[in-house]
C-alpha atoms as a PDB file:
ATOM      1  CA  MET A   1     185.985 109.098 143.933  1.00  0.00           C
ATOM      2  CA  LYS A   2     187.211 106.473 141.464  1.00  0.00           C
ATOM      3  CA  ARG A   3     185.332 103.837 143.385  1.00  0.00           C
ATOM      4  CA  VAL A   4     182.036 105.779 143.199  1.00  0.00           C
ATOM      5  CA  PHE A   5     182.533 106.393 139.479  1.00  0.00           C
ATOM      6  CA  SER A   6     183.256 102.675 138.944  1.00  0.00           C
ATOM      7  CA  LEU A   7     180.117 101.666 140.833  1.00  0.00           C
ATOM      8  CA  VAL A   8     177.963 104.105 138.838  1.00  0.00           C
ATOM      9  CA  LEU A   9     179.481 102.845 135.585  1.00  0.00           C
ATOM     10  CA  LEU A  10     178.895  99.198 136.521  1.00  0.00           C
ATOM     11  CA  TYR A  11     175.336  99.965 137.629  1.00  0.00           C
ATOM     12  CA  SER A  12     174.499 101.742 134.371  1.00  0.00           C
ATOM     13  CA  ILE A  13     176.014  98.919 132.305  1.00  0.00           C
ATOM     14  CA  PHE A  14     174.074  96.197 134.114  1.00  0.00           C
ATOM     15  CA  THR A  15     170.784  98.061 134.321  1.00  0.00           C
ATOM     16  CA  GLY A  16     171.038  98.906 130.638  1.00  0.00           C
ATOM     17  CA  CYS A  17     171.160  95.175 129.864  1.00  0.00           C
ATOM     18  CA  ILE A  18     168.142  94.286 131.925  1.00  0.00           C
ATOM     19  CA  LYS A  19     165.032  93.807 129.845  1.00  0.00           C
ATOM     20  CA  ARG A  20     162.445  96.323 130.967  1.00  0.00           C
ATOM     21  CA  PRO A  21     158.790  95.303 131.000  1.00  0.00           C
ATOM     22  CA  HIS A  22     156.696  96.681 128.172  1.00  0.00           C
ATOM     23  CA  LYS A  23     154.092  99.227 129.045  1.00  0.00           C
ATOM     24  CA  ILE A  24     150.698  97.532 129.016  1.00  0.00           C
ATOM     25  CA  THR A  25     148.518  99.361 126.542  1.00  0.00           C
ATOM     26  CA  ASN A  26     146.007  96.731 125.566  1.00  0.00           C
ATOM     27  CA  TYR A  27     144.163  95.178 128.495  1.00  0.00           C
ATOM     28  CA  HIS A  28     140.763  93.754 129.262  1.00  0.00           C
ATOM     29  CA  ILE A  29     138.176  95.882 131.008  1.00  0.00           C
ATOM     30  CA  LYS A  30     135.668  93.955 133.049  1.00  0.00           C
ATOM     31  CA  SER A  31     132.053  94.601 132.234  1.00  0.00           C
ATOM     32  CA  ARG A  32     131.308  96.189 135.619  1.00  0.00           C
ATOM     33  CA  ASP A  33     133.886  98.929 134.993  1.00  0.00           C
ATOM     34  CA  LYS A  34     132.551  99.420 131.496  1.00  0.00           C
ATOM     35  CA  ILE A  35     128.973  99.582 132.780  1.00  0.00           C
ATOM     36  CA  VAL A  36     129.834 102.328 135.282  1.00  0.00           C
ATOM     37  CA  ASN A  37     131.715 104.367 132.667  1.00  0.00           C
ATOM     38  CA  ILE A  38     128.874 104.116 130.171  1.00  0.00           C
ATOM     39  CA  ALA A  39     126.293 104.997 132.840  1.00  0.00           C
ATOM     40  CA  LYS A  40     128.176 108.135 133.899  1.00  0.00           C
ATOM     41  CA  LYS A  41     128.158 109.549 130.382  1.00  0.00           C
ATOM     42  CA  TYR A  42     124.363 109.889 130.638  1.00  0.00           C
ATOM     43  CA  LEU A  43     124.367 111.935 133.852  1.00  0.00           C
ATOM     44  CA  GLY A  44     121.901 114.799 133.587  1.00  0.00           C
ATOM     45  CA  LYS A  45     119.847 113.310 130.737  1.00  0.00           C
ATOM     46  CA  PRO A  46     116.152 113.917 131.443  1.00  0.00           C
ATOM     47  CA  TYR A  47     113.717 111.363 132.827  1.00  0.00           C
ATOM     48  CA  ARG A  48     110.893 110.363 130.497  1.00  0.00           C
ATOM     49  CA  TYR A  49     108.582 107.426 131.163  1.00  0.00           C
ATOM     50  CA  GLY A  50     109.053 104.657 128.584  1.00  0.00           C
ATOM     51  CA  ALA A  51     112.281 106.095 127.139  1.00  0.00           C
ATOM     52  CA  ILE A  52     115.389 103.980 126.497  1.00  0.00           C
ATOM     53  CA  GLY A  53     117.742 106.803 125.497  1.00  0.00           C
ATOM     54  CA  PRO A  54     120.048 108.080 124.424  1.00  0.00           C
ATOM     55  CA  ASN A  55     118.472 111.504 125.009  1.00  0.00           C
ATOM     56  CA  SER A  56     116.064 110.571 127.825  1.00  0.00           C
ATOM     57  CA  PHE A  57     115.339 107.540 129.993  1.00  0.00           C
ATOM     58  CA  ASP A  58     113.062 105.922 132.476  1.00  0.00           C
ATOM     59  CA  CYS A  59     114.781 103.859 135.196  1.00  0.00           C
ATOM     60  CA  SER A  60     114.693 100.465 133.525  1.00  0.00           C
ATOM     61  CA  GLY A  61     115.290 101.996 130.100  1.00  0.00           C
ATOM     62  CA  PHE A  62     118.506 103.469 131.500  1.00  0.00           C
ATOM     63  CA  VAL A  63     119.691 100.091 132.858  1.00  0.00           C
ATOM     64  CA  TYR A  64     118.620  98.405 129.614  1.00  0.00           C
ATOM     65  CA  ARG A  65     120.535 100.908 127.445  1.00  0.00           C
ATOM     66  CA  VAL A  66     123.716 100.931 129.556  1.00  0.00           C
ATOM     67  CA  THR A  67     123.994  97.155 129.787  1.00  0.00           C
ATOM     68  CA  ARG A  68     123.327  96.716 126.061  1.00  0.00           C
ATOM     69  CA  GLU A  69     126.089  99.204 125.267  1.00  0.00           C
ATOM     70  CA  ALA A  70     128.344  97.084 127.486  1.00  0.00           C
ATOM     71  CA  GLY A  71     127.416  93.994 125.462  1.00  0.00           C
ATOM     72  CA  ILE A  72     125.072  92.469 128.028  1.00  0.00           C
ATOM     73  CA  ASN A  73     121.423  91.778 127.331  1.00  0.00           C
ATOM     74  CA  VAL A  74     118.953  92.317 130.141  1.00  0.00           C
ATOM     75  CA  PRO A  75     115.156  92.591 129.967  1.00  0.00           C
ATOM     76  CA  ARG A  76     113.473  95.958 129.461  1.00  0.00           C
ATOM     77  CA  THR A  77     111.413  96.373 132.657  1.00  0.00           C
ATOM     78  CA  ALA A  78     112.661  96.756 136.230  1.00  0.00           C
ATOM     79  CA  ILE A  79     110.710  93.759 137.494  1.00  0.00           C
ATOM     80  CA  ALA A  80     112.004  91.541 134.661  1.00  0.00           C
ATOM     81  CA  GLN A  81     115.548  92.839 135.213  1.00  0.00           C
ATOM     82  CA  SER A  82     115.274  91.902 138.888  1.00  0.00           C
ATOM     83  CA  GLN A  83     114.513  88.307 137.895  1.00  0.00           C
ATOM     84  CA  ILE A  84     117.667  87.677 135.852  1.00  0.00           C
ATOM     85  CA  ARG A  85     119.740  84.671 136.861  1.00  0.00           C
ATOM     86  CA  GLY A  86     122.076  85.054 139.776  1.00  0.00           C
ATOM     87  CA  LYS A  87     122.300  85.435 143.501  1.00  0.00           C
ATOM     88  CA  LYS A  88     120.353  88.211 145.173  1.00  0.00           C
ATOM     89  CA  LEU A  89     122.952  90.528 146.684  1.00  0.00           C
ATOM     90  CA  SER A  90     122.657  92.490 149.912  1.00  0.00           C
ATOM     91  CA  VAL A  91     123.983  96.043 150.178  1.00  0.00           C
ATOM     92  CA  ASN A  92     127.193  94.737 151.763  1.00  0.00           C
ATOM     93  CA  GLU A  93     127.862  92.404 148.820  1.00  0.00           C
ATOM     94  CA  LEU A  94     127.558  95.044 146.090  1.00  0.00           C
ATOM     95  CA  ARG A  95     130.369  95.887 143.679  1.00  0.00           C
ATOM     96  CA  ASP A  96     130.594  98.587 141.042  1.00  0.00           C
ATOM     97  CA  GLY A  97     128.390  97.789 138.053  1.00  0.00           C
ATOM     98  CA  ASP A  98     125.908  95.603 139.928  1.00  0.00           C
ATOM     99  CA  LEU A  99     122.251  96.168 139.092  1.00  0.00           C
ATOM    100  CA  LEU A 100     120.044  97.396 141.948  1.00  0.00           C
ATOM    101  CA  PHE A 101     116.343  96.893 142.489  1.00  0.00           C
ATOM    102  CA  PHE A 102     113.908  98.828 144.641  1.00  0.00           C
ATOM    103  CA  ASP A 103     110.295  98.892 145.750  1.00  0.00           C
ATOM    104  CA  THR A 104     109.891 102.661 145.919  1.00  0.00           C
ATOM    105  CA  ALA A 105     106.096 102.469 146.261  1.00  0.00           C
ATOM    106  CA  LYS A 106     106.369  99.907 149.116  1.00  0.00           C
ATOM    107  CA  ARG A 107     103.838  97.651 147.374  1.00  0.00           C
ATOM    108  CA  GLY A 108     105.803  94.406 147.679  1.00  0.00           C
ATOM    109  CA  HIS A 109     107.330  94.276 144.195  1.00  0.00           C
ATOM    110  CA  VAL A 110     110.233  95.816 142.286  1.00  0.00           C
ATOM    111  CA  ASN A 111     109.373  99.020 140.445  1.00  0.00           C
ATOM    112  CA  HIS A 112     112.745 100.792 140.133  1.00  0.00           C
ATOM    113  CA  SER A 113     116.259  99.858 138.987  1.00  0.00           C
ATOM    114  CA  GLY A 114     119.697 101.436 138.955  1.00  0.00           C
ATOM    115  CA  ILE A 115     123.426 100.685 138.793  1.00  0.00           C
ATOM    116  CA  TYR A 116     125.787 100.595 141.773  1.00  0.00           C
ATOM    117  CA  ILE A 117     128.863 102.838 141.448  1.00  0.00           C
ATOM    118  CA  GLY A 118     130.510 102.273 144.828  1.00  0.00           C
ATOM    119  CA  ASN A 119     130.551 103.901 148.261  1.00  0.00           C
ATOM    120  CA  TYR A 120     126.829 103.285 148.816  1.00  0.00           C
ATOM    121  CA  ARG A 121     125.998 105.348 145.719  1.00  0.00           C
ATOM    122  CA  PHE A 122     124.104 104.384 142.580  1.00  0.00           C
ATOM    123  CA  ILE A 123     123.238 105.962 139.257  1.00  0.00           C
ATOM    124  CA  HIS A 124     119.684 105.832 137.932  1.00  0.00           C
ATOM    125  CA  ALA A 125     117.047 107.681 135.950  1.00  0.00           C
ATOM    126  CA  SER A 126     114.976 109.297 138.666  1.00  0.00           C
ATOM    127  CA  SER A 127     111.405 110.495 138.291  1.00  0.00           C
ATOM    128  CA  GLY A 128     111.817 112.319 141.607  1.00  0.00           C
ATOM    129  CA  ASN A 129     113.257 115.759 142.300  1.00  0.00           C
ATOM    130  CA  ALA A 130     116.211 115.353 139.931  1.00  0.00           C
ATOM    131  CA  HIS A 131     113.913 114.177 137.102  1.00  0.00           C
ATOM    132  CA  SER A 132     117.036 113.001 135.264  1.00  0.00           C
ATOM    133  CA  VAL A 133     119.876 110.503 135.331  1.00  0.00           C
ATOM    134  CA  THR A 134     121.450 111.222 138.685  1.00  0.00           C
ATOM    135  CA  VAL A 135     123.522 109.718 141.496  1.00  0.00           C
ATOM    136  CA  SER A 136     121.782 108.883 144.768  1.00  0.00           C
ATOM    137  CA  ASN A 137     122.878 107.469 148.105  1.00  0.00           C
ATOM    138  CA  LEU A 138     121.693 104.064 149.286  1.00  0.00           C
ATOM    139  CA  ASN A 139     121.770 105.337 152.868  1.00  0.00           C
ATOM    140  CA  GLY A 140     119.305 108.127 152.118  1.00  0.00           C
ATOM    141  CA  TRP A 141     115.704 107.944 150.936  1.00  0.00           C
ATOM    142  CA  TYR A 142     116.329 104.638 149.111  1.00  0.00           C
ATOM    143  CA  ARG A 143     117.645 102.791 152.185  1.00  0.00           C
ATOM    144  CA  ASN A 144     114.426 101.013 153.180  1.00  0.00           C
ATOM    145  CA  LYS A 145     113.267 100.641 149.564  1.00  0.00           C
ATOM    146  CA  PHE A 146     116.264  98.581 148.397  1.00  0.00           C
ATOM    147  CA  LYS A 147     115.285  94.977 147.670  1.00  0.00           C
ATOM    148  CA  TRP A 148     118.459  93.358 146.246  1.00  0.00           C
ATOM    149  CA  GLY A 149     121.222  93.616 143.697  1.00  0.00           C
ATOM    150  CA  LYS A 150     122.271  91.306 140.865  1.00  0.00           C
ATOM    151  CA  ARG A 151     125.702  90.937 139.292  1.00  0.00           C
ATOM    152  CA  VAL A 152     126.143  90.781 135.529  1.00  0.00           C
ATOM    153  CA  GLU A 153     129.678  89.953 134.411  1.00  0.00           C
ATOM    154  CA  LYS A 154     131.442  89.583 131.121  1.00  0.00           C
ATOM    155  CA  SER A 155     135.068  90.286 130.239  1.00  0.00           C
ATOM    156  CA  TYR A 156     136.143  92.094 127.100  1.00  0.00           C
END
């Protein structure tokens, strides 16, 4: 019993002298995480052609507003957004916060944009059934309309 007590006493003395790491309270959030968090706060806001928020959006107005709030400047229209610098990403290369571009009319050019949120899902201002900012699946109706993604990165 004395031996156990001695070991516990020694353990508590030595562990009390060890410097414990400080809790990290101030850290950098990468822009893609920030973009997704900002985008999600607009879920359910109504679709309105030409609107850039904060109370209603069209698709590119939504992407424009969210990225600007994250401190990143992108053009206003979906087609111009699709032409920003960077590699064109396939579905398998996407990461949270990447911008997505679609040809929903199947006319050979980009006419819709959104933001990837992971697990083959994206958030966008839809003029379809939801007629609001909503989450859709890339494996559903949008599967054969997806053109490419683009990555915008900035650390804070």
